[in-house]
Amino acid sequence: MMNESMEDYLGAIYRLRSDRETPLPLSQLQEFFEFSRVSVHEMIQKMARQELVIYHPYYGVTLTDTGEKAALALLRRHRLWERFLTDMLAVPWDEAHKIACRLEHAASEKVTERLAGLLGEPQECPHGGPIPPTESLQRGEPLNHFKGGAECFILRIAPERPHVLRRLHELGLGPGSKIHVINQTPTGTQVKIGKDHQPIHLPMEISATVWVDTH
């Protein structure tokens, strides 16, 4: 029987992986959840026994067809609730993300589809992530991959972490925002944003999750 913790893991694996075939290292799940290596390994073993994931020793984990379907359903619920909270209730997007993490486990498929209809079948969440069944085209690259002088615009924030979303909200940055890269440093990315082009340093944990493109 799948529980909420397992659903959280499925959602995290889907968000963090590079593609469906490449195993996601368990160390990335440790970092994402801030759990111990033992706790993560035990949960992956439980999920493997339920045929939700495939564990590849020394390499990581991939989703089975069953796990993939459950992850997409969870992500759809989560991102629709985010849209509702931000669009209809004006909840800041970092708070909306945390609230949606709870609501995603409670909503039935019937309620989810009514919510989608109420919102006009949105294609993306507030952070730019596609709402299933809309497929991700994986456009762009993380901001920390671009050299100084690059003129970029934000596509999405992924994976979403509340403290990162909160900082971006404070800076007025989100999908569609323009950024001028000054240079890369060992600790992050120096950028100019806004009308006054004020230089700002974005730590690596932020610049690595801000996906941008140049056109």
N, C-alpha and C. Protein backbone atom coordinates (compact mmCIF):
# COMPACT_ATOMS: atom_id res chain seq x y z
N MET A 1 0.84 -1.20 0.00
CA MET A 1 0.00 0.00 0.00
C MET A 1 0.88 1.25 0.00
N MET A 2 0.67 2.15 -0.97
CA MET A 2 1.48 3.36 -1.07
C MET A 2 1.04 4.37 -0.01
N ASN A 3 2.00 4.95 0.70
CA ASN A 3 1.69 5.98 1.68
C ASN A 3 2.22 7.34 1.23
N GLU A 4 1.99 8.37 2.05
CA GLU A 4 2.38 9.72 1.66
C GLU A 4 3.90 9.86 1.50
N SER A 5 4.64 9.18 2.37
CA SER A 5 6.10 9.25 2.27
C SER A 5 6.59 8.70 0.94
N MET A 6 5.98 7.61 0.51
CA MET A 6 6.36 7.03 -0.78
C MET A 6 6.01 7.97 -1.92
N GLU A 7 4.85 8.61 -1.82
CA GLU A 7 4.48 9.58 -2.85
C GLU A 7 5.48 10.74 -2.89
N ASP A 8 5.93 11.17 -1.71
CA ASP A 8 6.94 12.24 -1.66
C ASP A 8 8.21 11.81 -2.39
N TYR A 9 8.62 10.58 -2.18
CA TYR A 9 9.82 10.07 -2.84
C TYR A 9 9.62 9.99 -4.35
N LEU A 10 8.46 9.53 -4.78
CA LEU A 10 8.20 9.45 -6.22
C LEU A 10 8.28 10.84 -6.86
N GLY A 11 7.67 11.82 -6.18
CA GLY A 11 7.71 13.18 -6.70
C GLY A 11 9.13 13.74 -6.75
N ALA A 12 9.91 13.43 -5.72
CA ALA A 12 11.29 13.93 -5.67
C ALA A 12 12.14 13.28 -6.76
N ILE A 13 11.99 11.99 -6.96
CA ILE A 13 12.75 11.30 -8.00
C ILE A 13 12.43 11.90 -9.36
N TYR A 14 11.14 12.13 -9.62
CA TYR A 14 10.73 12.70 -10.90
C TYR A 14 11.34 14.09 -11.09
N ARG A 15 11.32 14.91 -10.05
CA ARG A 15 11.82 16.28 -10.15
C ARG A 15 13.34 16.35 -10.32
N LEU A 16 14.04 15.46 -9.63
CA LEU A 16 15.50 15.55 -9.56
C LEU A 16 16.23 14.82 -10.69
N ARG A 17 15.60 13.85 -11.31
CA ARG A 17 16.30 13.04 -12.31
C ARG A 17 16.61 13.85 -13.56
N SER A 18 17.62 13.43 -14.28
CA SER A 18 17.97 14.08 -15.55
C SER A 18 17.10 13.58 -16.69
N ASP A 19 16.76 12.29 -16.67
CA ASP A 19 15.84 11.71 -17.64
C ASP A 19 15.31 10.41 -17.06
N ARG A 20 14.38 9.77 -17.76
CA ARG A 20 13.72 8.60 -17.20
C ARG A 20 14.64 7.39 -17.09
N GLU A 21 15.60 7.27 -17.98
CA GLU A 21 16.44 6.06 -18.03
C GLU A 21 17.65 6.12 -17.10
N THR A 22 18.14 7.32 -16.80
CA THR A 22 19.36 7.45 -16.01
C THR A 22 19.04 7.36 -14.52
N PRO A 23 19.66 6.44 -13.79
CA PRO A 23 19.38 6.31 -12.35
C PRO A 23 19.73 7.60 -11.60
N LEU A 24 18.87 7.97 -10.68
CA LEU A 24 19.12 9.12 -9.82
C LEU A 24 19.92 8.65 -8.61
N PRO A 25 21.11 9.21 -8.38
CA PRO A 25 21.89 8.81 -7.20
C PRO A 25 21.12 9.05 -5.91
N LEU A 26 21.19 8.10 -4.98
CA LEU A 26 20.48 8.25 -3.71
C LEU A 26 20.99 9.44 -2.92
N SER A 27 22.23 9.85 -3.16
CA SER A 27 22.78 11.01 -2.46
C SER A 27 21.97 12.27 -2.74
N GLN A 28 21.38 12.35 -3.93
CA GLN A 28 20.57 13.53 -4.26
C GLN A 28 19.26 13.53 -3.46
N LEU A 29 18.73 12.34 -3.20
CA LEU A 29 17.53 12.25 -2.35
C LEU A 29 17.88 12.60 -0.91
N GLN A 30 19.05 12.16 -0.45
CA GLN A 30 19.52 12.52 0.89
C GLN A 30 19.58 14.04 1.04
N GLU A 31 20.17 14.69 0.06
CA GLU A 31 20.31 16.14 0.12
C GLU A 31 18.96 16.84 0.04
N PHE A 32 18.09 16.35 -0.83
CA PHE A 32 16.79 16.98 -1.04
C PHE A 32 15.93 16.89 0.23
N PHE A 33 15.88 15.71 0.84
CA PHE A 33 15.05 15.51 2.03
C PHE A 33 15.77 15.83 3.33
N GLU A 34 17.11 15.89 3.26
CA GLU A 34 17.94 16.03 4.46
C GLU A 34 17.73 14.84 5.40
N PHE A 35 17.67 13.66 4.79
CA PHE A 35 17.55 12.40 5.53
C PHE A 35 18.91 11.70 5.54
N SER A 36 19.04 10.71 6.41
CA SER A 36 20.27 9.93 6.45
C SER A 36 20.33 8.96 5.28
N ARG A 37 21.54 8.51 4.97
CA ARG A 37 21.72 7.55 3.88
C ARG A 37 20.95 6.26 4.17
N VAL A 38 20.94 5.84 5.42
CA VAL A 38 20.25 4.61 5.80
C VAL A 38 18.74 4.75 5.59
N SER A 39 18.18 5.89 6.01
CA SER A 39 16.73 6.10 5.86
C SER A 39 16.31 6.09 4.40
N VAL A 40 17.08 6.76 3.55
CA VAL A 40 16.76 6.81 2.13
C VAL A 40 16.86 5.42 1.52
N HIS A 41 17.92 4.69 1.86
CA HIS A 41 18.11 3.35 1.30
C HIS A 41 16.98 2.42 1.72
N GLU A 42 16.55 2.49 2.97
CA GLU A 42 15.46 1.63 3.46
C GLU A 42 14.16 1.93 2.72
N MET A 43 13.87 3.22 2.50
CA MET A 43 12.64 3.58 1.80
C MET A 43 12.69 3.11 0.35
N ILE A 44 13.82 3.26 -0.31
CA ILE A 44 13.94 2.82 -1.70
C ILE A 44 13.75 1.31 -1.79
N GLN A 45 14.26 0.57 -0.82
CA GLN A 45 14.07 -0.88 -0.82
C GLN A 45 12.60 -1.24 -0.66
N LYS A 46 11.89 -0.53 0.22
CA LYS A 46 10.45 -0.77 0.39
C LYS A 46 9.69 -0.49 -0.90
N MET A 47 10.04 0.60 -1.56
CA MET A 47 9.36 0.97 -2.78
C MET A 47 9.69 0.01 -3.92
N ALA A 48 10.89 -0.52 -3.91
CA ALA A 48 11.26 -1.51 -4.92
C ALA A 48 10.44 -2.78 -4.75
N ARG A 49 10.19 -3.15 -3.50
CA ARG A 49 9.39 -4.36 -3.25
C ARG A 49 7.95 -4.16 -3.71
N GLN A 50 7.48 -2.92 -3.71
CA GLN A 50 6.13 -2.63 -4.20
C GLN A 50 6.12 -2.31 -5.70
N GLU A 51 7.27 -2.47 -6.34
CA GLU A 51 7.42 -2.27 -7.78
C GLU A 51 7.08 -0.84 -8.22
N LEU A 52 7.43 0.11 -7.35
CA LEU A 52 7.28 1.52 -7.69
C LEU A 52 8.57 2.08 -8.29
N VAL A 53 9.70 1.50 -7.88
CA VAL A 53 11.00 1.94 -8.38
C VAL A 53 11.87 0.72 -8.66
N ILE A 54 12.94 0.95 -9.40
CA ILE A 54 13.96 -0.07 -9.62
C ILE A 54 15.26 0.46 -9.02
N TYR A 55 15.82 -0.30 -8.09
CA TYR A 55 17.07 0.12 -7.46
C TYR A 55 18.24 -0.47 -8.23
N HIS A 56 19.15 0.40 -8.63
CA HIS A 56 20.34 -0.03 -9.35
C HIS A 56 21.54 0.14 -8.41
N PRO A 57 22.03 -0.95 -7.80
CA PRO A 57 23.12 -0.85 -6.83
C PRO A 57 24.30 -0.04 -7.37
N TYR A 58 24.78 0.87 -6.54
CA TYR A 58 25.92 1.75 -6.82
C TYR A 58 25.59 2.86 -7.83
N TYR A 59 24.42 2.83 -8.43
CA TYR A 59 24.07 3.85 -9.42
C TYR A 59 22.89 4.73 -8.97
N GLY A 60 21.86 4.13 -8.42
CA GLY A 60 20.72 4.93 -7.99
C GLY A 60 19.39 4.26 -8.24
N VAL A 61 18.39 5.05 -8.58
CA VAL A 61 17.03 4.55 -8.67
C VAL A 61 16.31 5.15 -9.89
N THR A 62 15.46 4.35 -10.51
CA THR A 62 14.59 4.82 -11.59
C THR A 62 13.15 4.43 -11.24
N LEU A 63 12.20 5.05 -11.90
CA LEU A 63 10.79 4.75 -11.66
C LEU A 63 10.31 3.63 -12.58
N THR A 64 9.47 2.76 -12.04
CA THR A 64 8.79 1.78 -12.89
C THR A 64 7.64 2.48 -13.60
N ASP A 65 6.95 1.77 -14.48
CA ASP A 65 5.77 2.38 -15.14
C ASP A 65 4.73 2.77 -14.10
N THR A 66 4.55 1.93 -13.08
CA THR A 66 3.59 2.23 -12.02
C THR A 66 4.03 3.46 -11.23
N GLY A 67 5.32 3.52 -10.90
CA GLY A 67 5.85 4.66 -10.18
C GLY A 67 5.77 5.94 -10.99
N GLU A 68 6.03 5.83 -12.29
CA GLU A 68 5.95 6.99 -13.18
C GLU A 68 4.53 7.56 -13.21
N LYS A 69 3.55 6.68 -13.33
CA LYS A 69 2.15 7.11 -13.38
C LYS A 69 1.75 7.80 -12.08
N ALA A 70 2.17 7.23 -10.95
CA ALA A 70 1.84 7.81 -9.65
C ALA A 70 2.53 9.16 -9.46
N ALA A 71 3.79 9.27 -9.92
CA ALA A 71 4.53 10.53 -9.79
C ALA A 71 3.88 11.63 -10.61
N LEU A 72 3.44 11.30 -11.82
CA LEU A 72 2.80 12.30 -12.68
C LEU A 72 1.47 12.77 -12.09
N ALA A 73 0.71 11.84 -11.50
CA ALA A 73 -0.56 12.21 -10.88
C ALA A 73 -0.32 13.12 -9.68
N LEU A 74 0.70 12.79 -8.89
CA LEU A 74 1.04 13.61 -7.73
C LEU A 74 1.47 15.01 -8.17
N LEU A 75 2.32 15.07 -9.20
CA LEU A 75 2.81 16.35 -9.69
C LEU A 75 1.68 17.20 -10.25
N ARG A 76 0.73 16.57 -10.92
CA ARG A 76 -0.41 17.30 -11.46
C ARG A 76 -1.21 17.94 -10.32
N ARG A 77 -1.49 17.16 -9.28
CA ARG A 77 -2.24 17.69 -8.13
C ARG A 77 -1.47 18.85 -7.48
N HIS A 78 -0.18 18.62 -7.26
CA HIS A 78 0.65 19.62 -6.59
C HIS A 78 0.66 20.94 -7.36
N ARG A 79 0.90 20.89 -8.64
CA ARG A 79 1.05 22.11 -9.43
C ARG A 79 -0.28 22.82 -9.68
N LEU A 80 -1.36 22.06 -9.74
CA LEU A 80 -2.67 22.70 -9.85
C LEU A 80 -3.01 23.45 -8.56
N TRP A 81 -2.70 22.83 -7.42
CA TRP A 81 -2.96 23.51 -6.15
C TRP A 81 -2.10 24.76 -6.03
N GLU A 82 -0.86 24.70 -6.51
CA GLU A 82 -0.02 25.89 -6.50
C GLU A 82 -0.64 27.02 -7.31
N ARG A 83 -1.16 26.66 -8.49
CA ARG A 83 -1.80 27.68 -9.33
C ARG A 83 -3.02 28.27 -8.62
N PHE A 84 -3.82 27.43 -8.00
CA PHE A 84 -5.01 27.91 -7.29
C PHE A 84 -4.61 28.86 -6.16
N LEU A 85 -3.62 28.46 -5.39
CA LEU A 85 -3.22 29.25 -4.23
C LEU A 85 -2.62 30.59 -4.64
N THR A 86 -1.81 30.60 -5.69
CA THR A 86 -1.19 31.85 -6.12
C THR A 86 -2.14 32.72 -6.95
N ASP A 87 -2.89 32.10 -7.84
CA ASP A 87 -3.75 32.86 -8.76
C ASP A 87 -5.05 33.34 -8.11
N MET A 88 -5.66 32.46 -7.32
CA MET A 88 -6.98 32.76 -6.76
C MET A 88 -6.91 33.36 -5.35
N LEU A 89 -5.90 32.98 -4.59
CA LEU A 89 -5.81 33.43 -3.19
C LEU A 89 -4.63 34.36 -2.93
N ALA A 90 -3.82 34.62 -3.96
CA ALA A 90 -2.67 35.52 -3.84
C ALA A 90 -1.69 35.08 -2.76
N VAL A 91 -1.52 33.78 -2.59
CA VAL A 91 -0.55 33.25 -1.64
C VAL A 91 0.84 33.33 -2.27
N PRO A 92 1.86 33.85 -1.57
CA PRO A 92 3.22 33.89 -2.13
C PRO A 92 3.66 32.50 -2.56
N TRP A 93 4.45 32.42 -3.64
CA TRP A 93 4.70 31.12 -4.25
C TRP A 93 5.50 30.16 -3.38
N ASP A 94 6.33 30.68 -2.45
CA ASP A 94 7.05 29.78 -1.56
C ASP A 94 6.09 29.15 -0.56
N GLU A 95 5.13 29.93 -0.06
CA GLU A 95 4.12 29.39 0.85
C GLU A 95 3.19 28.44 0.10
N ALA A 96 2.83 28.80 -1.12
CA ALA A 96 1.96 27.95 -1.93
C ALA A 96 2.58 26.58 -2.15
N HIS A 97 3.89 26.56 -2.36
CA HIS A 97 4.58 25.28 -2.57
C HIS A 97 4.46 24.40 -1.33
N LYS A 98 4.68 24.97 -0.15
CA LYS A 98 4.61 24.19 1.08
C LYS A 98 3.19 23.69 1.35
N ILE A 99 2.20 24.55 1.10
CA ILE A 99 0.81 24.13 1.31
C ILE A 99 0.42 23.04 0.32
N ALA A 100 0.84 23.20 -0.94
CA ALA A 100 0.53 22.20 -1.98
C ALA A 100 1.16 20.85 -1.66
N CYS A 101 2.28 20.86 -0.94
CA CYS A 101 2.92 19.60 -0.54
C CYS A 101 2.02 18.79 0.38
N ARG A 102 1.10 19.46 1.07
CA ARG A 102 0.15 18.75 1.92
C ARG A 102 -1.13 18.40 1.15
N LEU A 103 -1.62 19.37 0.35
CA LEU A 103 -2.86 19.15 -0.37
C LEU A 103 -2.73 18.08 -1.46
N GLU A 104 -1.54 17.91 -2.01
CA GLU A 104 -1.34 16.96 -3.10
C GLU A 104 -1.69 15.53 -2.70
N HIS A 105 -1.63 15.24 -1.41
CA HIS A 105 -1.93 13.88 -0.93
C HIS A 105 -3.42 13.67 -0.66
N ALA A 106 -4.15 14.78 -0.55
CA ALA A 106 -5.54 14.67 -0.10
C ALA A 106 -6.57 14.70 -1.23
N ALA A 107 -6.26 15.37 -2.32
CA ALA A 107 -7.26 15.58 -3.37
C ALA A 107 -7.48 14.32 -4.20
N SER A 108 -8.74 13.99 -4.44
CA SER A 108 -9.09 12.86 -5.31
C SER A 108 -8.93 13.28 -6.76
N GLU A 109 -8.97 12.31 -7.67
CA GLU A 109 -8.86 12.63 -9.09
C GLU A 109 -10.02 13.50 -9.54
N LYS A 110 -11.22 13.24 -9.00
CA LYS A 110 -12.40 14.03 -9.37
C LYS A 110 -12.22 15.49 -8.97
N VAL A 111 -11.74 15.72 -7.75
CA VAL A 111 -11.52 17.08 -7.28
C VAL A 111 -10.41 17.75 -8.09
N THR A 112 -9.37 17.00 -8.41
CA THR A 112 -8.25 17.53 -9.18
C THR A 112 -8.71 18.03 -10.54
N GLU A 113 -9.54 17.25 -11.21
CA GLU A 113 -10.01 17.64 -12.55
C GLU A 113 -10.96 18.83 -12.48
N ARG A 114 -11.76 18.91 -11.42
CA ARG A 114 -12.61 20.09 -11.26
C ARG A 114 -11.77 21.33 -11.00
N LEU A 115 -10.70 21.16 -10.25
CA LEU A 115 -9.79 22.27 -9.98
C LEU A 115 -9.14 22.74 -11.28
N ALA A 116 -8.72 21.78 -12.11
CA ALA A 116 -8.11 22.13 -13.40
C ALA A 116 -9.10 22.91 -14.26
N GLY A 117 -10.36 22.49 -14.27
CA GLY A 117 -11.38 23.19 -15.05
C GLY A 117 -11.62 24.60 -14.53
N LEU A 118 -11.65 24.74 -13.21
CA LEU A 118 -11.85 26.06 -12.60
C LEU A 118 -10.73 27.02 -13.00
N LEU A 119 -9.52 26.49 -13.10
CA LEU A 119 -8.36 27.33 -13.40
C LEU A 119 -8.15 27.53 -14.90
N GLY A 120 -8.98 26.87 -15.72
CA GLY A 120 -8.84 27.01 -17.16
C GLY A 120 -7.76 26.13 -17.77
N GLU A 121 -7.54 24.97 -17.16
CA GLU A 121 -6.56 23.99 -17.65
C GLU A 121 -5.17 24.62 -17.86
N PRO A 122 -4.56 25.14 -16.81
CA PRO A 122 -3.24 25.76 -16.95
C PRO A 122 -2.19 24.75 -17.39
N GLN A 123 -1.19 25.23 -18.11
CA GLN A 123 -0.13 24.36 -18.63
C GLN A 123 1.10 24.34 -17.74
N GLU A 124 1.29 25.39 -16.91
CA GLU A 124 2.49 25.48 -16.08
C GLU A 124 2.13 25.92 -14.67
N CYS A 125 2.95 25.52 -13.71
CA CYS A 125 2.80 25.97 -12.34
C CYS A 125 3.42 27.37 -12.21
N PRO A 126 3.27 28.04 -11.08
CA PRO A 126 3.84 29.39 -10.93
C PRO A 126 5.36 29.44 -11.10
N HIS A 127 6.03 28.31 -10.93
CA HIS A 127 7.48 28.28 -11.03
C HIS A 127 7.95 27.88 -12.43
N GLY A 128 7.00 27.74 -13.36
CA GLY A 128 7.36 27.42 -14.74
C GLY A 128 7.40 25.94 -15.06
N GLY A 129 7.11 25.09 -14.10
CA GLY A 129 7.12 23.64 -14.35
C GLY A 129 5.86 23.21 -15.07
N PRO A 130 5.97 22.31 -16.05
CA PRO A 130 4.79 21.85 -16.79
C PRO A 130 3.85 21.05 -15.90
N ILE A 131 2.56 21.25 -16.08
CA ILE A 131 1.56 20.50 -15.33
C ILE A 131 1.15 19.29 -16.17
N PRO A 132 1.43 18.07 -15.70
CA PRO A 132 1.04 16.88 -16.47
C PRO A 132 -0.44 16.93 -16.81
N PRO A 133 -0.85 16.49 -18.01
CA PRO A 133 -0.04 15.71 -18.96
C PRO A 133 0.84 16.53 -19.90
N THR A 134 0.91 17.86 -19.71
CA THR A 134 1.85 18.65 -20.50
C THR A 134 3.26 18.11 -20.27
N GLU A 135 3.99 17.86 -21.33
CA GLU A 135 5.32 17.28 -21.20
C GLU A 135 6.38 18.37 -21.09
N SER A 136 7.42 18.05 -20.31
CA SER A 136 8.54 18.97 -20.19
C SER A 136 9.46 18.84 -21.39
N LEU A 137 9.76 19.96 -22.02
CA LEU A 137 10.67 19.96 -23.16
C LEU A 137 12.13 20.10 -22.72
N GLN A 138 12.33 20.29 -21.39
CA GLN A 138 13.67 20.44 -20.83
C GLN A 138 14.50 21.50 -21.55
N ARG A 139 13.86 22.61 -21.88
CA ARG A 139 14.58 23.71 -22.50
C ARG A 139 15.49 24.39 -21.49
N GLY A 140 16.52 25.05 -22.01
CA GLY A 140 17.37 25.86 -21.18
C GLY A 140 18.39 25.09 -20.37
N GLU A 141 19.14 25.85 -19.57
CA GLU A 141 20.16 25.30 -18.69
C GLU A 141 20.15 26.08 -17.39
N PRO A 142 20.73 25.50 -16.33
CA PRO A 142 20.82 26.24 -15.07
C PRO A 142 21.65 27.52 -15.25
N LEU A 143 21.30 28.56 -14.52
CA LEU A 143 21.96 29.86 -14.63
C LEU A 143 23.47 29.76 -14.39
N ASN A 144 23.89 28.85 -13.52
CA ASN A 144 25.32 28.75 -13.21
C ASN A 144 26.15 28.15 -14.34
N HIS A 145 25.51 27.79 -15.48
CA HIS A 145 26.23 27.28 -16.64
C HIS A 145 26.60 28.39 -17.63
N PHE A 146 26.08 29.60 -17.42
CA PHE A 146 26.27 30.67 -18.40
C PHE A 146 27.44 31.59 -18.04
N LYS A 147 28.19 31.98 -19.05
CA LYS A 147 29.36 32.84 -18.85
C LYS A 147 28.93 34.30 -18.73
N GLY A 148 29.87 35.11 -18.23
CA GLY A 148 29.61 36.53 -18.09
C GLY A 148 29.26 37.17 -19.42
N GLY A 149 28.30 38.08 -19.39
CA GLY A 149 27.86 38.76 -20.60
C GLY A 149 26.58 38.20 -21.18
N ALA A 150 26.19 37.03 -20.73
CA ALA A 150 24.97 36.41 -21.26
C ALA A 150 23.73 37.17 -20.79
N GLU A 151 22.79 37.38 -21.72
CA GLU A 151 21.49 37.98 -21.42
C GLU A 151 20.47 36.84 -21.43
N CYS A 152 19.88 36.58 -20.29
CA CYS A 152 19.00 35.41 -20.16
C CYS A 152 17.61 35.81 -19.66
N PHE A 153 16.66 34.89 -19.82
CA PHE A 153 15.36 35.04 -19.18
C PHE A 153 15.01 33.72 -18.51
N ILE A 154 14.32 33.82 -17.39
CA ILE A 154 14.02 32.63 -16.58
C ILE A 154 12.88 31.82 -17.20
N LEU A 155 13.11 30.52 -17.31
CA LEU A 155 12.09 29.59 -17.79
C LEU A 155 11.32 28.95 -16.64
N ARG A 156 12.06 28.45 -15.65
CA ARG A 156 11.44 27.73 -14.54
C ARG A 156 12.42 27.64 -13.37
N ILE A 157 11.88 27.25 -12.23
CA ILE A 157 12.68 26.99 -11.04
C ILE A 157 12.55 25.51 -10.73
N ALA A 158 13.66 24.78 -10.74
CA ALA A 158 13.58 23.34 -10.51
C ALA A 158 14.93 22.79 -10.02
N PRO A 159 14.86 21.94 -8.96
CA PRO A 159 13.69 21.62 -8.16
C PRO A 159 13.32 22.78 -7.23
N GLU A 160 12.06 22.78 -6.82
CA GLU A 160 11.57 23.86 -5.97
C GLU A 160 11.93 23.60 -4.51
N ARG A 161 12.58 24.55 -3.90
CA ARG A 161 12.87 24.49 -2.46
C ARG A 161 12.34 25.78 -1.84
N PRO A 162 11.56 25.68 -0.76
CA PRO A 162 10.90 26.86 -0.19
C PRO A 162 11.81 28.05 0.06
N HIS A 163 13.01 27.83 0.64
CA HIS A 163 13.88 28.97 0.95
C HIS A 163 14.41 29.63 -0.33
N VAL A 164 14.61 28.82 -1.39
CA VAL A 164 15.04 29.38 -2.68
C VAL A 164 13.90 30.19 -3.30
N LEU A 165 12.70 29.65 -3.27
CA LEU A 165 11.54 30.36 -3.81
C LEU A 165 11.31 31.67 -3.06
N ARG A 166 11.50 31.63 -1.74
CA ARG A 166 11.31 32.83 -0.93
C ARG A 166 12.30 33.93 -1.34
N ARG A 167 13.55 33.56 -1.52
CA ARG A 167 14.57 34.55 -1.90
C ARG A 167 14.29 35.11 -3.29
N LEU A 168 13.92 34.25 -4.23
CA LEU A 168 13.61 34.73 -5.58
C LEU A 168 12.40 35.66 -5.57
N HIS A 169 11.42 35.34 -4.72
CA HIS A 169 10.24 36.19 -4.59
C HIS A 169 10.64 37.56 -4.06
N GLU A 170 11.56 37.59 -3.08
CA GLU A 170 12.04 38.85 -2.53
C GLU A 170 12.74 39.70 -3.59
N LEU A 171 13.42 39.02 -4.50
CA LEU A 171 14.15 39.72 -5.57
C LEU A 171 13.26 40.07 -6.76
N GLY A 172 12.02 39.59 -6.73
CA GLY A 172 11.10 39.84 -7.83
C GLY A 172 11.43 39.03 -9.07
N LEU A 173 12.04 37.86 -8.88
CA LEU A 173 12.43 37.01 -10.00
C LEU A 173 11.51 35.82 -10.14
N GLY A 174 11.15 35.51 -11.38
CA GLY A 174 10.30 34.36 -11.67
C GLY A 174 10.33 34.10 -13.17
N PRO A 175 9.56 33.12 -13.64
CA PRO A 175 9.52 32.84 -15.07
C PRO A 175 9.24 34.10 -15.89
N GLY A 176 10.08 34.36 -16.90
CA GLY A 176 9.94 35.53 -17.73
C GLY A 176 10.87 36.68 -17.34
N SER A 177 11.41 36.64 -16.11
CA SER A 177 12.31 37.70 -15.66
C SER A 177 13.62 37.66 -16.46
N LYS A 178 14.16 38.85 -16.74
CA LYS A 178 15.42 38.95 -17.47
C LYS A 178 16.59 39.10 -16.50
N ILE A 179 17.69 38.45 -16.84
CA ILE A 179 18.89 38.47 -16.01
C ILE A 179 20.11 38.68 -16.90
N HIS A 180 21.01 39.55 -16.46
CA HIS A 180 22.30 39.74 -17.14
C HIS A 180 23.38 39.10 -16.27
N VAL A 181 24.10 38.13 -16.82
CA VAL A 181 25.15 37.45 -16.08
C VAL A 181 26.42 38.29 -16.12
N ILE A 182 26.94 38.61 -14.94
CA ILE A 182 28.21 39.35 -14.85
C ILE A 182 29.37 38.36 -14.90
N ASN A 183 29.35 37.41 -14.00
CA ASN A 183 30.38 36.37 -13.99
C ASN A 183 29.99 35.25 -13.03
N GLN A 184 30.67 34.12 -13.17
CA GLN A 184 30.50 32.99 -12.28
C GLN A 184 31.63 33.00 -11.25
N THR A 185 31.29 32.66 -10.01
CA THR A 185 32.29 32.57 -8.95
C THR A 185 32.23 31.17 -8.35
N PRO A 186 33.20 30.81 -7.53
CA PRO A 186 33.16 29.48 -6.89
C PRO A 186 31.94 29.27 -6.00
N THR A 187 31.30 30.36 -5.56
CA THR A 187 30.17 30.23 -4.65
C THR A 187 28.82 30.55 -5.28
N GLY A 188 28.81 30.97 -6.55
CA GLY A 188 27.54 31.28 -7.17
C GLY A 188 27.68 32.12 -8.43
N THR A 189 26.64 32.92 -8.71
CA THR A 189 26.58 33.70 -9.95
C THR A 189 26.32 35.16 -9.64
N GLN A 190 27.14 36.03 -10.20
CA GLN A 190 26.95 37.48 -10.07
C GLN A 190 26.10 37.94 -11.24
N VAL A 191 24.98 38.60 -10.94
CA VAL A 191 24.05 39.00 -11.99
C VAL A 191 23.58 40.43 -11.79
N LYS A 192 22.98 40.99 -12.84
CA LYS A 192 22.29 42.27 -12.76
C LYS A 192 20.82 42.01 -13.07
N ILE A 193 19.94 42.59 -12.27
CA ILE A 193 18.50 42.43 -12.49
C ILE A 193 17.81 43.77 -12.28
N GLY A 194 16.60 43.87 -12.78
CA GLY A 194 15.79 45.06 -12.56
C GLY A 194 16.19 46.24 -13.41
N LYS A 195 15.40 47.30 -13.31
CA LYS A 195 15.61 48.50 -14.12
C LYS A 195 16.92 49.22 -13.78
N ASP A 196 17.30 49.15 -12.49
CA ASP A 196 18.52 49.85 -12.09
C ASP A 196 19.76 48.99 -12.26
N HIS A 197 19.57 47.73 -12.72
CA HIS A 197 20.67 46.82 -12.99
C HIS A 197 21.61 46.67 -11.79
N GLN A 198 21.03 46.56 -10.62
CA GLN A 198 21.83 46.41 -9.41
C GLN A 198 22.50 45.04 -9.37
N PRO A 199 23.82 44.98 -9.18
CA PRO A 199 24.52 43.68 -9.11
C PRO A 199 24.08 42.89 -7.87
N ILE A 200 23.82 41.63 -8.06
CA ILE A 200 23.41 40.75 -6.97
C ILE A 200 24.14 39.42 -7.11
N HIS A 201 24.54 38.87 -5.98
CA HIS A 201 25.18 37.56 -5.98
C HIS A 201 24.14 36.51 -5.62
N LEU A 202 23.93 35.54 -6.51
CA LEU A 202 23.02 34.43 -6.27
C LEU A 202 23.85 33.21 -5.87
N PRO A 203 23.70 32.71 -4.64
CA PRO A 203 24.46 31.54 -4.21
C PRO A 203 24.23 30.35 -5.15
N MET A 204 25.16 29.43 -5.15
CA MET A 204 25.09 28.28 -6.04
C MET A 204 23.78 27.50 -5.89
N GLU A 205 23.29 27.34 -4.65
CA GLU A 205 22.07 26.58 -4.46
C GLU A 205 20.86 27.22 -5.13
N ILE A 206 20.97 28.53 -5.39
CA ILE A 206 19.90 29.22 -6.12
C ILE A 206 20.16 29.19 -7.62
N SER A 207 21.36 29.61 -8.04
CA SER A 207 21.64 29.70 -9.48
C SER A 207 21.58 28.34 -10.17
N ALA A 208 21.82 27.25 -9.41
CA ALA A 208 21.76 25.91 -10.00
C ALA A 208 20.33 25.43 -10.22
N THR A 209 19.36 26.11 -9.60
CA THR A 209 17.96 25.70 -9.77
C THR A 209 17.16 26.67 -10.63
N VAL A 210 17.80 27.77 -11.06
CA VAL A 210 17.13 28.73 -11.94
C VAL A 210 17.47 28.37 -13.38
N TRP A 211 16.50 27.84 -14.11
CA TRP A 211 16.72 27.41 -15.50
C TRP A 211 16.40 28.58 -16.43
N VAL A 212 17.35 28.89 -17.30
CA VAL A 212 17.21 30.07 -18.16
C VAL A 212 17.53 29.72 -19.62
N ASP A 213 17.19 30.64 -20.49
CA ASP A 213 17.55 30.54 -21.91
C ASP A 213 17.94 31.93 -22.38
N THR A 214 18.56 31.97 -23.55
CA THR A 214 19.04 33.26 -24.06
C THR A 214 18.16 33.82 -25.16
N HIS A 215 17.12 33.09 -25.59
CA HIS A 215 16.26 33.60 -26.64
C HIS A 215 14.91 32.92 -26.57
